[in-house]
Amino acid sequence: MNHLLAFGRMIKFSHSIFAMPFALASGLLAAQTHDTTWQQWALIVLCMVTARSAAMGFNRIVDRHIDAKNPRTAIREIPSGQIPLAAAVMFTAAAAAIFVAAAAILHPLCGWLSPVALLIVCGYSLGKRFTSLVHLWLGVALGLAPIAAWIAITGGIAATPLILAFAVATWVAGFDILYSLQDEEFDRGAGLRSIPAALGQGMAMNVSSLLHILTVLALAAVPFVEPLRWPYWVGVVAIAAVLAYEHHLVKPGDLSKIDKAFFDLNGYISLAFFVAVFAALP
């Protein structure tokens, strides 16, 4: 049991709450015009969990030496010796293999696209070595979730999942910028790239705010392509309020509430979106 908990901590399993509700909400919207089965939904969840597990495992493996030098991350499972490197590699390879297999069973197009998805979500881990826009890369990686769920159910693409992908990408990039404020000085010293390291705290927070404004605008655009009832607008207003509160909590020179802003509030946002979509379906 302790080993399972260690792997769960390594891949931050609880963070699945960020993208999963957006994928399921996209699936619900797609299901308005396409029949679905419980097997499809189970496979969508399995793909989400395994793709994310593979990406996080890869991140921890390639960043193990960097994590060991950073006081904030030195306690992570691989640098602290809680999980051997070989075990982490096997776990990551198994997660990736299960993802590809589940995607192929889900829909042929999902199967063909699964290696591309893995390349994007795992490649993010290398981004901070050469671009300060790594936060946008992470946003795009998680933004694949609503697109993938839509393809799984419909076999194609449409405006709705693209709008949702943009909303997720800007939302994730925005809160990742805030989270990376903690490592601004370390990143500069280690030669790693990030928007806080490139622009400083104040400007980085402004960029994060702009991204989250785009998030709200994208969410507000969804009812123009989907027939959603009034509860959806309640959800959008609630999400905008939570994002505003998130930026109120994190101030230049005061990152003491970053964990609450990152973990708690963003979890509420994803759940609020799913509930809003579910309640707003015709």
C-alpha atoms as a PDB file:
ATOM      1  CA  MET A   1       0.000   0.000   0.000  1.00  0.00           C
ATOM      2  CA  ASN A   2       2.850   2.392   0.836  1.00  0.00           C
ATOM      3  CA  HIS A   3       4.353   1.784  -2.624  1.00  0.00           C
ATOM      4  CA  LEU A   4       1.021   2.570  -4.299  1.00  0.00           C
ATOM      5  CA  LEU A   5       0.715   5.763  -2.291  1.00  0.00           C
ATOM      6  CA  ALA A   6       4.255   6.740  -3.279  1.00  0.00           C
ATOM      7  CA  PHE A   7       3.452   6.301  -6.979  1.00  0.00           C
ATOM      8  CA  GLY A   8       0.230   8.258  -6.465  1.00  0.00           C
ATOM      9  CA  ARG A   9       2.226  11.096  -4.935  1.00  0.00           C
ATOM     10  CA  MET A  10       4.839  10.929  -7.697  1.00  0.00           C
ATOM     11  CA  ILE A  11       2.283  11.475 -10.444  1.00  0.00           C
ATOM     12  CA  LYS A  12       0.135  13.836  -8.312  1.00  0.00           C
ATOM     13  CA  PHE A  13      -2.913  11.630  -8.953  1.00  0.00           C
ATOM     14  CA  SER A  14      -5.192  14.120  -7.188  1.00  0.00           C
ATOM     15  CA  HIS A  15      -4.377  16.678  -9.905  1.00  0.00           C
ATOM     16  CA  SER A  16      -6.445  14.612 -12.349  1.00  0.00           C
ATOM     17  CA  ILE A  17      -9.284  16.829 -11.131  1.00  0.00           C
ATOM     18  CA  PHE A  18      -7.962  19.647 -13.332  1.00  0.00           C
ATOM     19  CA  ALA A  19      -8.548  18.247 -16.836  1.00  0.00           C
ATOM     20  CA  MET A  20     -10.844  15.280 -16.242  1.00  0.00           C
ATOM     21  CA  PRO A  21     -14.081  17.286 -15.729  1.00  0.00           C
ATOM     22  CA  PHE A  22     -13.437  19.223 -18.951  1.00  0.00           C
ATOM     23  CA  ALA A  23     -12.993  15.971 -20.874  1.00  0.00           C
ATOM     24  CA  LEU A  24     -16.192  14.541 -19.404  1.00  0.00           C
ATOM     25  CA  ALA A  25     -18.098  17.775 -20.052  1.00  0.00           C
ATOM     26  CA  SER A  26     -16.929  17.722 -23.675  1.00  0.00           C
ATOM     27  CA  GLY A  27     -18.098  14.134 -23.888  1.00  0.00           C
ATOM     28  CA  LEU A  28     -21.508  15.080 -22.502  1.00  0.00           C
ATOM     29  CA  LEU A  29     -21.901  17.744 -25.158  1.00  0.00           C
ATOM     30  CA  ALA A  30     -20.842  15.334 -27.889  1.00  0.00           C
ATOM     31  CA  ALA A  31     -23.287  12.748 -26.552  1.00  0.00           C
ATOM     32  CA  GLN A  32     -26.187  15.089 -27.260  1.00  0.00           C
ATOM     33  CA  THR A  33     -26.003  14.034 -30.897  1.00  0.00           C
ATOM     34  CA  HIS A  34     -24.264  10.643 -30.619  1.00  0.00           C
ATOM     35  CA  ASP A  35     -25.165   7.500 -28.697  1.00  0.00           C
ATOM     36  CA  THR A  36     -22.636   6.402 -26.087  1.00  0.00           C
ATOM     37  CA  THR A  37     -22.000   3.303 -23.971  1.00  0.00           C
ATOM     38  CA  TRP A  38     -20.638   2.898 -20.478  1.00  0.00           C
ATOM     39  CA  GLN A  39     -17.585   1.192 -22.030  1.00  0.00           C
ATOM     40  CA  GLN A  40     -16.771   4.376 -23.939  1.00  0.00           C
ATOM     41  CA  TRP A  41     -16.949   6.467 -20.793  1.00  0.00           C
ATOM     42  CA  ALA A  42     -14.803   3.990 -18.890  1.00  0.00           C
ATOM     43  CA  LEU A  43     -12.197   4.032 -21.653  1.00  0.00           C
ATOM     44  CA  ILE A  44     -12.208   7.838 -21.752  1.00  0.00           C
ATOM     45  CA  VAL A  45     -11.481   7.922 -18.012  1.00  0.00           C
ATOM     46  CA  LEU A  46      -8.798   5.236 -18.397  1.00  0.00           C
ATOM     47  CA  CYS A  47      -7.133   7.174 -21.219  1.00  0.00           C
ATOM     48  CA  MET A  48      -7.179  10.368 -19.181  1.00  0.00           C
ATOM     49  CA  VAL A  49      -5.620   8.698 -16.137  1.00  0.00           C
ATOM     50  CA  THR A  50      -2.957   6.727 -18.014  1.00  0.00           C
ATOM     51  CA  ALA A  51      -1.908   9.568 -20.341  1.00  0.00           C
ATOM     52  CA  ARG A  52      -1.514  11.878 -17.387  1.00  0.00           C
ATOM     53  CA  SER A  53       0.323   9.197 -15.380  1.00  0.00           C
ATOM     54  CA  ALA A  54       2.754   8.624 -18.242  1.00  0.00           C
ATOM     55  CA  ALA A  55       3.363  12.367 -18.605  1.00  0.00           C
ATOM     56  CA  MET A  56       3.937  12.917 -14.885  1.00  0.00           C
ATOM     57  CA  GLY A  57       6.135   9.840 -14.622  1.00  0.00           C
ATOM     58  CA  PHE A  58       8.234  11.069 -17.545  1.00  0.00           C
ATOM     59  CA  ASN A  59       8.432  14.503 -15.916  1.00  0.00           C
ATOM     60  CA  ARG A  60       9.727  13.090 -12.656  1.00  0.00           C
ATOM     61  CA  ILE A  61      12.264  10.905 -14.458  1.00  0.00           C
ATOM     62  CA  VAL A  62      13.808  13.569 -16.706  1.00  0.00           C
ATOM     63  CA  ASP A  63      13.697  16.212 -13.955  1.00  0.00           C
ATOM     64  CA  ARG A  64      15.117  14.045 -11.168  1.00  0.00           C
ATOM     65  CA  HIS A  65      18.509  15.815 -11.095  1.00  0.00           C
ATOM     66  CA  ILE A  66      16.906  19.262 -11.229  1.00  0.00           C
ATOM     67  CA  ASP A  67      14.433  18.280  -8.506  1.00  0.00           C
ATOM     68  CA  ALA A  68      17.275  17.079  -6.292  1.00  0.00           C
ATOM     69  CA  LYS A  69      18.918  20.533  -6.416  1.00  0.00           C
ATOM     70  CA  ASN A  70      15.735  22.514  -5.717  1.00  0.00           C
ATOM     71  CA  PRO A  71      14.899  22.688  -1.979  1.00  0.00           C
ATOM     72  CA  ARG A  72      11.168  22.777  -2.812  1.00  0.00           C
ATOM     73  CA  THR A  73      11.270  19.568  -4.861  1.00  0.00           C
ATOM     74  CA  ALA A  74      14.134  17.601  -3.298  1.00  0.00           C
ATOM     75  CA  ILE A  75      11.614  15.602  -1.256  1.00  0.00           C
ATOM     76  CA  ARG A  76       9.961  14.222  -4.391  1.00  0.00           C
ATOM     77  CA  GLU A  77       9.861  10.459  -4.626  1.00  0.00           C
ATOM     78  CA  ILE A  78      12.728   9.771  -7.057  1.00  0.00           C
ATOM     79  CA  PRO A  79      15.385  12.203  -5.747  1.00  0.00           C
ATOM     80  CA  SER A  80      14.538  11.259  -2.135  1.00  0.00           C
ATOM     81  CA  GLY A  81      14.880   7.541  -2.929  1.00  0.00           C
ATOM     82  CA  GLN A  82      11.273   6.577  -2.149  1.00  0.00           C
ATOM     83  CA  ILE A  83      10.848   5.213  -5.695  1.00  0.00           C
ATOM     84  CA  PRO A  84      13.801   3.640  -7.579  1.00  0.00           C
ATOM     85  CA  LEU A  85      14.455   5.051 -11.045  1.00  0.00           C
ATOM     86  CA  ALA A  86      13.919   1.637 -12.683  1.00  0.00           C
ATOM     87  CA  ALA A  87      10.504   1.310 -11.041  1.00  0.00           C
ATOM     88  CA  ALA A  88       9.525   4.788 -12.220  1.00  0.00           C
ATOM     89  CA  VAL A  89      10.578   3.931 -15.789  1.00  0.00           C
ATOM     90  CA  MET A  90       8.546   0.716 -15.766  1.00  0.00           C
ATOM     91  CA  PHE A  91       5.520   2.503 -14.323  1.00  0.00           C
ATOM     92  CA  THR A  92       5.714   5.228 -16.959  1.00  0.00           C
ATOM     93  CA  ALA A  93       6.166   2.767 -19.831  1.00  0.00           C
ATOM     94  CA  ALA A  94       3.215   0.691 -18.598  1.00  0.00           C
ATOM     95  CA  ALA A  95       0.984   3.757 -18.320  1.00  0.00           C
ATOM     96  CA  ALA A  96       1.915   4.846 -21.844  1.00  0.00           C
ATOM     97  CA  ALA A  97       1.246   1.356 -23.257  1.00  0.00           C
ATOM     98  CA  ILE A  98      -2.141   1.111 -21.553  1.00  0.00           C
ATOM     99  CA  PHE A  99      -3.044   4.567 -22.859  1.00  0.00           C
ATOM    100  CA  VAL A 100      -2.238   3.653 -26.466  1.00  0.00           C
ATOM    101  CA  ALA A 101      -4.121   0.359 -26.213  1.00  0.00           C
ATOM    102  CA  ALA A 102      -7.183   1.945 -24.572  1.00  0.00           C
ATOM    103  CA  ALA A 103      -7.223   4.748 -27.141  1.00  0.00           C
ATOM    104  CA  ALA A 104      -7.136   2.248 -30.004  1.00  0.00           C
ATOM    105  CA  ILE A 105     -10.048   0.317 -28.503  1.00  0.00           C
ATOM    106  CA  LEU A 106     -11.977   3.523 -27.946  1.00  0.00           C
ATOM    107  CA  HIS A 107     -11.806   4.695 -31.561  1.00  0.00           C
ATOM    108  CA  PRO A 108      -9.391   4.006 -34.440  1.00  0.00           C
ATOM    109  CA  LEU A 109      -8.611   7.700 -34.854  1.00  0.00           C
ATOM    110  CA  CYS A 110      -7.842   7.972 -31.143  1.00  0.00           C
ATOM    111  CA  GLY A 111      -5.448   5.071 -31.512  1.00  0.00           C
ATOM    112  CA  TRP A 112      -3.601   6.681 -34.425  1.00  0.00           C
ATOM    113  CA  LEU A 113      -3.370  10.009 -32.607  1.00  0.00           C
ATOM    114  CA  SER A 114      -2.332   8.570 -29.234  1.00  0.00           C
ATOM    115  CA  PRO A 115       1.454   8.670 -29.926  1.00  0.00           C
ATOM    116  CA  VAL A 116       1.106  12.331 -30.945  1.00  0.00           C
ATOM    117  CA  ALA A 117      -0.751  13.046 -27.708  1.00  0.00           C
ATOM    118  CA  LEU A 118       1.995  11.325 -25.699  1.00  0.00           C
ATOM    119  CA  LEU A 119       4.657  13.326 -27.521  1.00  0.00           C
ATOM    120  CA  ILE A 120       2.906  16.573 -26.565  1.00  0.00           C
ATOM    121  CA  VAL A 121       2.104  15.748 -22.938  1.00  0.00           C
ATOM    122  CA  CYS A 122       5.511  14.210 -22.218  1.00  0.00           C
ATOM    123  CA  GLY A 123       7.457  16.740 -24.262  1.00  0.00           C
ATOM    124  CA  TYR A 124       6.263  19.488 -21.930  1.00  0.00           C
ATOM    125  CA  SER A 125       8.744  18.250 -19.340  1.00  0.00           C
ATOM    126  CA  LEU A 126      11.648  19.251 -21.583  1.00  0.00           C
ATOM    127  CA  GLY A 127      10.222  22.642 -22.554  1.00  0.00           C
ATOM    128  CA  LYS A 128      11.634  24.678 -19.678  1.00  0.00           C
ATOM    129  CA  ARG A 129      15.104  23.857 -20.908  1.00  0.00           C
ATOM    130  CA  PHE A 130      14.655  25.995 -24.037  1.00  0.00           C
ATOM    131  CA  THR A 131      11.513  28.173 -23.912  1.00  0.00           C
ATOM    132  CA  SER A 132       9.895  30.551 -21.433  1.00  0.00           C
ATOM    133  CA  LEU A 133       6.533  29.677 -23.015  1.00  0.00           C
ATOM    134  CA  VAL A 134       6.579  26.272 -21.345  1.00  0.00           C
ATOM    135  CA  HIS A 135       3.399  27.203 -19.446  1.00  0.00           C
ATOM    136  CA  LEU A 136       1.511  27.439 -22.725  1.00  0.00           C
ATOM    137  CA  TRP A 137       2.885  24.037 -23.696  1.00  0.00           C
ATOM    138  CA  LEU A 138       1.392  22.596 -20.506  1.00  0.00           C
ATOM    139  CA  GLY A 139      -1.869  24.368 -21.291  1.00  0.00           C
ATOM    140  CA  VAL A 140      -1.985  22.839 -24.767  1.00  0.00           C
ATOM    141  CA  ALA A 141      -1.208  19.400 -23.295  1.00  0.00           C
ATOM    142  CA  LEU A 142      -4.183  19.536 -20.932  1.00  0.00           C
ATOM    143  CA  GLY A 143      -6.265  21.257 -23.587  1.00  0.00           C
ATOM    144  CA  LEU A 144      -6.123  18.039 -25.591  1.00  0.00           C
ATOM    145  CA  ALA A 145      -8.537  16.481 -23.072  1.00  0.00           C
ATOM    146  CA  PRO A 146     -11.822  17.937 -24.400  1.00  0.00           C
ATOM    147  CA  ILE A 147     -10.700  17.392 -28.005  1.00  0.00           C
ATOM    148  CA  ALA A 148      -9.819  13.752 -27.318  1.00  0.00           C
ATOM    149  CA  ALA A 149     -13.130  13.056 -25.582  1.00  0.00           C
ATOM    150  CA  TRP A 150     -15.047  14.612 -28.464  1.00  0.00           C
ATOM    151  CA  ILE A 151     -13.171  12.532 -31.055  1.00  0.00           C
ATOM    152  CA  ALA A 152     -13.719   9.402 -28.963  1.00  0.00           C
ATOM    153  CA  ILE A 153     -17.491   9.851 -29.153  1.00  0.00           C
ATOM    154  CA  THR A 154     -18.016  11.467 -32.552  1.00  0.00           C
ATOM    155  CA  GLY A 155     -15.007  10.319 -34.551  1.00  0.00           C
ATOM    156  CA  GLY A 156     -14.397  13.895 -35.676  1.00  0.00           C
ATOM    157  CA  ILE A 157     -13.805  17.462 -34.557  1.00  0.00           C
ATOM    158  CA  ALA A 158     -16.003  20.545 -34.204  1.00  0.00           C
ATOM    159  CA  ALA A 159     -15.953  24.108 -32.895  1.00  0.00           C
ATOM    160  CA  THR A 160     -17.067  23.128 -29.385  1.00  0.00           C
ATOM    161  CA  PRO A 161     -14.013  21.040 -28.354  1.00  0.00           C
ATOM    162  CA  LEU A 162     -11.672  23.586 -29.933  1.00  0.00           C
ATOM    163  CA  ILE A 163     -13.198  26.380 -27.841  1.00  0.00           C
ATOM    164  CA  LEU A 164     -12.999  24.214 -24.733  1.00  0.00           C
ATOM    165  CA  ALA A 165      -9.383  23.335 -25.543  1.00  0.00           C
ATOM    166  CA  PHE A 166      -8.541  27.039 -25.789  1.00  0.00           C
ATOM    167  CA  ALA A 167     -10.267  27.684 -22.458  1.00  0.00           C
ATOM    168  CA  VAL A 168      -8.364  24.862 -20.767  1.00  0.00           C
ATOM    169  CA  ALA A 169      -5.041  25.895 -22.344  1.00  0.00           C
ATOM    170  CA  THR A 170      -5.273  29.512 -21.179  1.00  0.00           C
ATOM    171  CA  TRP A 171      -6.586  28.517 -17.757  1.00  0.00           C
ATOM    172  CA  VAL A 172      -3.807  25.971 -17.136  1.00  0.00           C
ATOM    173  CA  ALA A 173      -1.061  28.230 -18.519  1.00  0.00           C
ATOM    174  CA  GLY A 174      -2.297  31.047 -16.303  1.00  0.00           C
ATOM    175  CA  PHE A 175      -2.263  29.087 -13.078  1.00  0.00           C
ATOM    176  CA  ASP A 176       1.010  27.355 -13.962  1.00  0.00           C
ATOM    177  CA  ILE A 177       2.632  30.783 -14.247  1.00  0.00           C
ATOM    178  CA  LEU A 178       1.414  31.588 -10.747  1.00  0.00           C
ATOM    179  CA  TYR A 179       2.680  28.268  -9.406  1.00  0.00           C
ATOM    180  CA  SER A 180       6.094  28.720 -11.021  1.00  0.00           C
ATOM    181  CA  LEU A 181       6.577  31.995  -9.155  1.00  0.00           C
ATOM    182  CA  GLN A 182       7.910  29.833  -6.329  1.00  0.00           C
ATOM    183  CA  ASP A 183      10.877  28.757  -8.454  1.00  0.00           C
ATOM    184  CA  GLU A 184      11.714  32.113 -10.062  1.00  0.00           C
ATOM    185  CA  GLU A 185      15.134  32.491  -8.436  1.00  0.00           C
ATOM    186  CA  PHE A 186      16.028  28.807  -8.708  1.00  0.00           C
ATOM    187  CA  ASP A 187      15.097  28.691 -12.400  1.00  0.00           C
ATOM    188  CA  ARG A 188      17.297  31.687 -13.166  1.00  0.00           C
ATOM    189  CA  GLY A 189      20.229  30.150 -11.332  1.00  0.00           C
ATOM    190  CA  ALA A 190      19.749  26.772 -12.983  1.00  0.00           C
ATOM    191  CA  GLY A 191      19.343  28.223 -16.474  1.00  0.00           C
ATOM    192  CA  LEU A 192      15.742  27.049 -16.755  1.00  0.00           C
ATOM    193  CA  ARG A 193      13.124  29.027 -18.661  1.00  0.00           C
ATOM    194  CA  SER A 194       9.805  30.343 -17.352  1.00  0.00           C
ATOM    195  CA  ILE A 195       7.776  33.516 -17.663  1.00  0.00           C
ATOM    196  CA  PRO A 196       8.488  34.539 -14.028  1.00  0.00           C
ATOM    197  CA  ALA A 197      12.210  33.988 -14.594  1.00  0.00           C
ATOM    198  CA  ALA A 198      12.076  36.003 -17.823  1.00  0.00           C
ATOM    199  CA  LEU A 199       9.762  38.849 -16.780  1.00  0.00           C
ATOM    200  CA  GLY A 200       9.751  38.944 -12.979  1.00  0.00           C
ATOM    201  CA  GLN A 201       6.830  38.478 -10.602  1.00  0.00           C
ATOM    202  CA  GLY A 202       4.785  41.550 -11.467  1.00  0.00           C
ATOM    203  CA  MET A 203       4.771  41.108 -15.228  1.00  0.00           C
ATOM    204  CA  ALA A 204       4.294  37.347 -14.911  1.00  0.00           C
ATOM    205  CA  MET A 205       1.166  37.929 -12.834  1.00  0.00           C
ATOM    206  CA  ASN A 206      -0.125  40.327 -15.475  1.00  0.00           C
ATOM    207  CA  VAL A 207       0.371  37.687 -18.157  1.00  0.00           C
ATOM    208  CA  SER A 208      -1.453  35.160 -15.964  1.00  0.00           C
ATOM    209  CA  SER A 209      -4.346  37.590 -15.498  1.00  0.00           C
ATOM    210  CA  LEU A 210      -4.607  38.156 -19.252  1.00  0.00           C
ATOM    211  CA  LEU A 211      -4.673  34.427 -19.903  1.00  0.00           C
ATOM    212  CA  HIS A 212      -7.466  33.955 -17.385  1.00  0.00           C
ATOM    213  CA  ILE A 213      -9.498  36.737 -18.968  1.00  0.00           C
ATOM    214  CA  LEU A 214      -9.198  34.797 -22.230  1.00  0.00           C
ATOM    215  CA  THR A 215     -10.341  31.682 -20.372  1.00  0.00           C
ATOM    216  CA  VAL A 216     -13.564  33.353 -19.252  1.00  0.00           C
ATOM    217  CA  LEU A 217     -14.199  34.757 -22.728  1.00  0.00           C
ATOM    218  CA  ALA A 218     -13.736  31.309 -24.262  1.00  0.00           C
ATOM    219  CA  LEU A 219     -16.115  29.723 -21.777  1.00  0.00           C
ATOM    220  CA  ALA A 220     -18.630  32.465 -22.514  1.00  0.00           C
ATOM    221  CA  ALA A 221     -18.443  31.575 -26.213  1.00  0.00           C
ATOM    222  CA  VAL A 222     -19.560  27.959 -25.737  1.00  0.00           C
ATOM    223  CA  PRO A 223     -23.347  28.686 -25.621  1.00  0.00           C
ATOM    224  CA  PHE A 224     -23.063  30.272 -29.050  1.00  0.00           C
ATOM    225  CA  VAL A 225     -22.205  26.880 -30.550  1.00  0.00           C
ATOM    226  CA  GLU A 226     -24.038  24.608 -28.092  1.00  0.00           C
ATOM    227  CA  PRO A 227     -27.690  24.855 -26.910  1.00  0.00           C
ATOM    228  CA  LEU A 228     -27.044  25.326 -23.197  1.00  0.00           C
ATOM    229  CA  ARG A 229     -29.580  26.623 -20.693  1.00  0.00           C
ATOM    230  CA  TRP A 230     -29.134  29.402 -18.110  1.00  0.00           C
ATOM    231  CA  PRO A 231     -27.278  27.323 -15.421  1.00  0.00           C
ATOM    232  CA  TYR A 232     -24.244  27.404 -17.690  1.00  0.00           C
ATOM    233  CA  TRP A 233     -23.992  31.181 -17.322  1.00  0.00           C
ATOM    234  CA  VAL A 234     -24.128  30.813 -13.550  1.00  0.00           C
ATOM    235  CA  GLY A 235     -21.140  28.499 -13.839  1.00  0.00           C
ATOM    236  CA  VAL A 236     -19.193  30.941 -16.009  1.00  0.00           C
ATOM    237  CA  VAL A 237     -19.797  33.781 -13.545  1.00  0.00           C
ATOM    238  CA  ALA A 238     -18.740  31.531 -10.662  1.00  0.00           C
ATOM    239  CA  ILE A 239     -15.549  30.506 -12.486  1.00  0.00           C
ATOM    240  CA  ALA A 240     -14.723  34.151 -13.235  1.00  0.00           C
ATOM    241  CA  ALA A 241     -15.199  34.990  -9.546  1.00  0.00           C
ATOM    242  CA  VAL A 242     -12.946  32.127  -8.422  1.00  0.00           C
ATOM    243  CA  LEU A 243     -10.240  33.176 -10.875  1.00  0.00           C
ATOM    244  CA  ALA A 244     -10.442  36.748  -9.592  1.00  0.00           C
ATOM    245  CA  TYR A 245     -10.091  35.453  -6.026  1.00  0.00           C
ATOM    246  CA  GLU A 246      -7.132  33.317  -7.079  1.00  0.00           C
ATOM    247  CA  HIS A 247      -5.321  36.407  -8.321  1.00  0.00           C
ATOM    248  CA  HIS A 248      -6.282  38.254  -5.147  1.00  0.00           C
ATOM    249  CA  LEU A 249      -4.567  35.577  -3.051  1.00  0.00           C
ATOM    250  CA  VAL A 250      -1.257  35.659  -4.927  1.00  0.00           C
ATOM    251  CA  LYS A 251       0.570  38.976  -4.730  1.00  0.00           C
ATOM    252  CA  PRO A 252       4.084  40.078  -5.696  1.00  0.00           C
ATOM    253  CA  GLY A 253       6.319  39.344  -2.736  1.00  0.00           C
ATOM    254  CA  ASP A 254       3.680  37.231  -0.964  1.00  0.00           C
ATOM    255  CA  LEU A 255       3.331  33.656  -2.201  1.00  0.00           C
ATOM    256  CA  SER A 256       2.160  32.262   1.138  1.00  0.00           C
ATOM    257  CA  LYS A 257      -1.241  31.275  -0.260  1.00  0.00           C
ATOM    258  CA  ILE A 258      -0.023  29.783  -3.528  1.00  0.00           C
ATOM    259  CA  ASP A 259      -1.016  26.244  -2.561  1.00  0.00           C
ATOM    260  CA  LYS A 260      -4.604  27.275  -1.832  1.00  0.00           C
ATOM    261  CA  ALA A 261      -4.753  29.241  -5.092  1.00  0.00           C
ATOM    262  CA  PHE A 262      -3.251  26.395  -7.135  1.00  0.00           C
ATOM    263  CA  PHE A 263      -4.742  23.238  -5.657  1.00  0.00           C
ATOM    264  CA  ASP A 264      -8.063  24.169  -4.073  1.00  0.00           C
ATOM    265  CA  LEU A 265      -9.419  26.927  -6.284  1.00  0.00           C
ATOM    266  CA  ASN A 266      -8.499  25.362  -9.604  1.00  0.00           C
ATOM    267  CA  GLY A 267     -10.102  22.108  -8.513  1.00  0.00           C
ATOM    268  CA  TYR A 268     -13.289  24.057  -7.774  1.00  0.00           C
ATOM    269  CA  ILE A 269     -13.141  25.631 -11.232  1.00  0.00           C
ATOM    270  CA  SER A 270     -13.020  22.333 -13.115  1.00  0.00           C
ATOM    271  CA  LEU A 271     -15.796  20.812 -11.012  1.00  0.00           C
ATOM    272  CA  ALA A 272     -17.922  23.941 -11.380  1.00  0.00           C
ATOM    273  CA  PHE A 273     -17.582  23.742 -15.149  1.00  0.00           C
ATOM    274  CA  PHE A 274     -18.698  20.131 -15.277  1.00  0.00           C
ATOM    275  CA  VAL A 275     -21.675  20.785 -13.003  1.00  0.00           C
ATOM    276  CA  ALA A 276     -22.632  23.872 -15.059  1.00  0.00           C
ATOM    277  CA  VAL A 277     -22.581  21.896 -18.320  1.00  0.00           C
ATOM    278  CA  PHE A 278     -24.491  18.976 -16.827  1.00  0.00           C
ATOM    279  CA  ALA A 279     -27.156  21.271 -15.355  1.00  0.00           C
ATOM    280  CA  ALA A 280     -27.444  23.289 -18.571  1.00  0.00           C
ATOM    281  CA  LEU A 281     -28.054  20.425 -21.002  1.00  0.00           C
ATOM    282  CA  PRO A 282     -31.386  20.706 -22.821  1.00  0.00           C
END
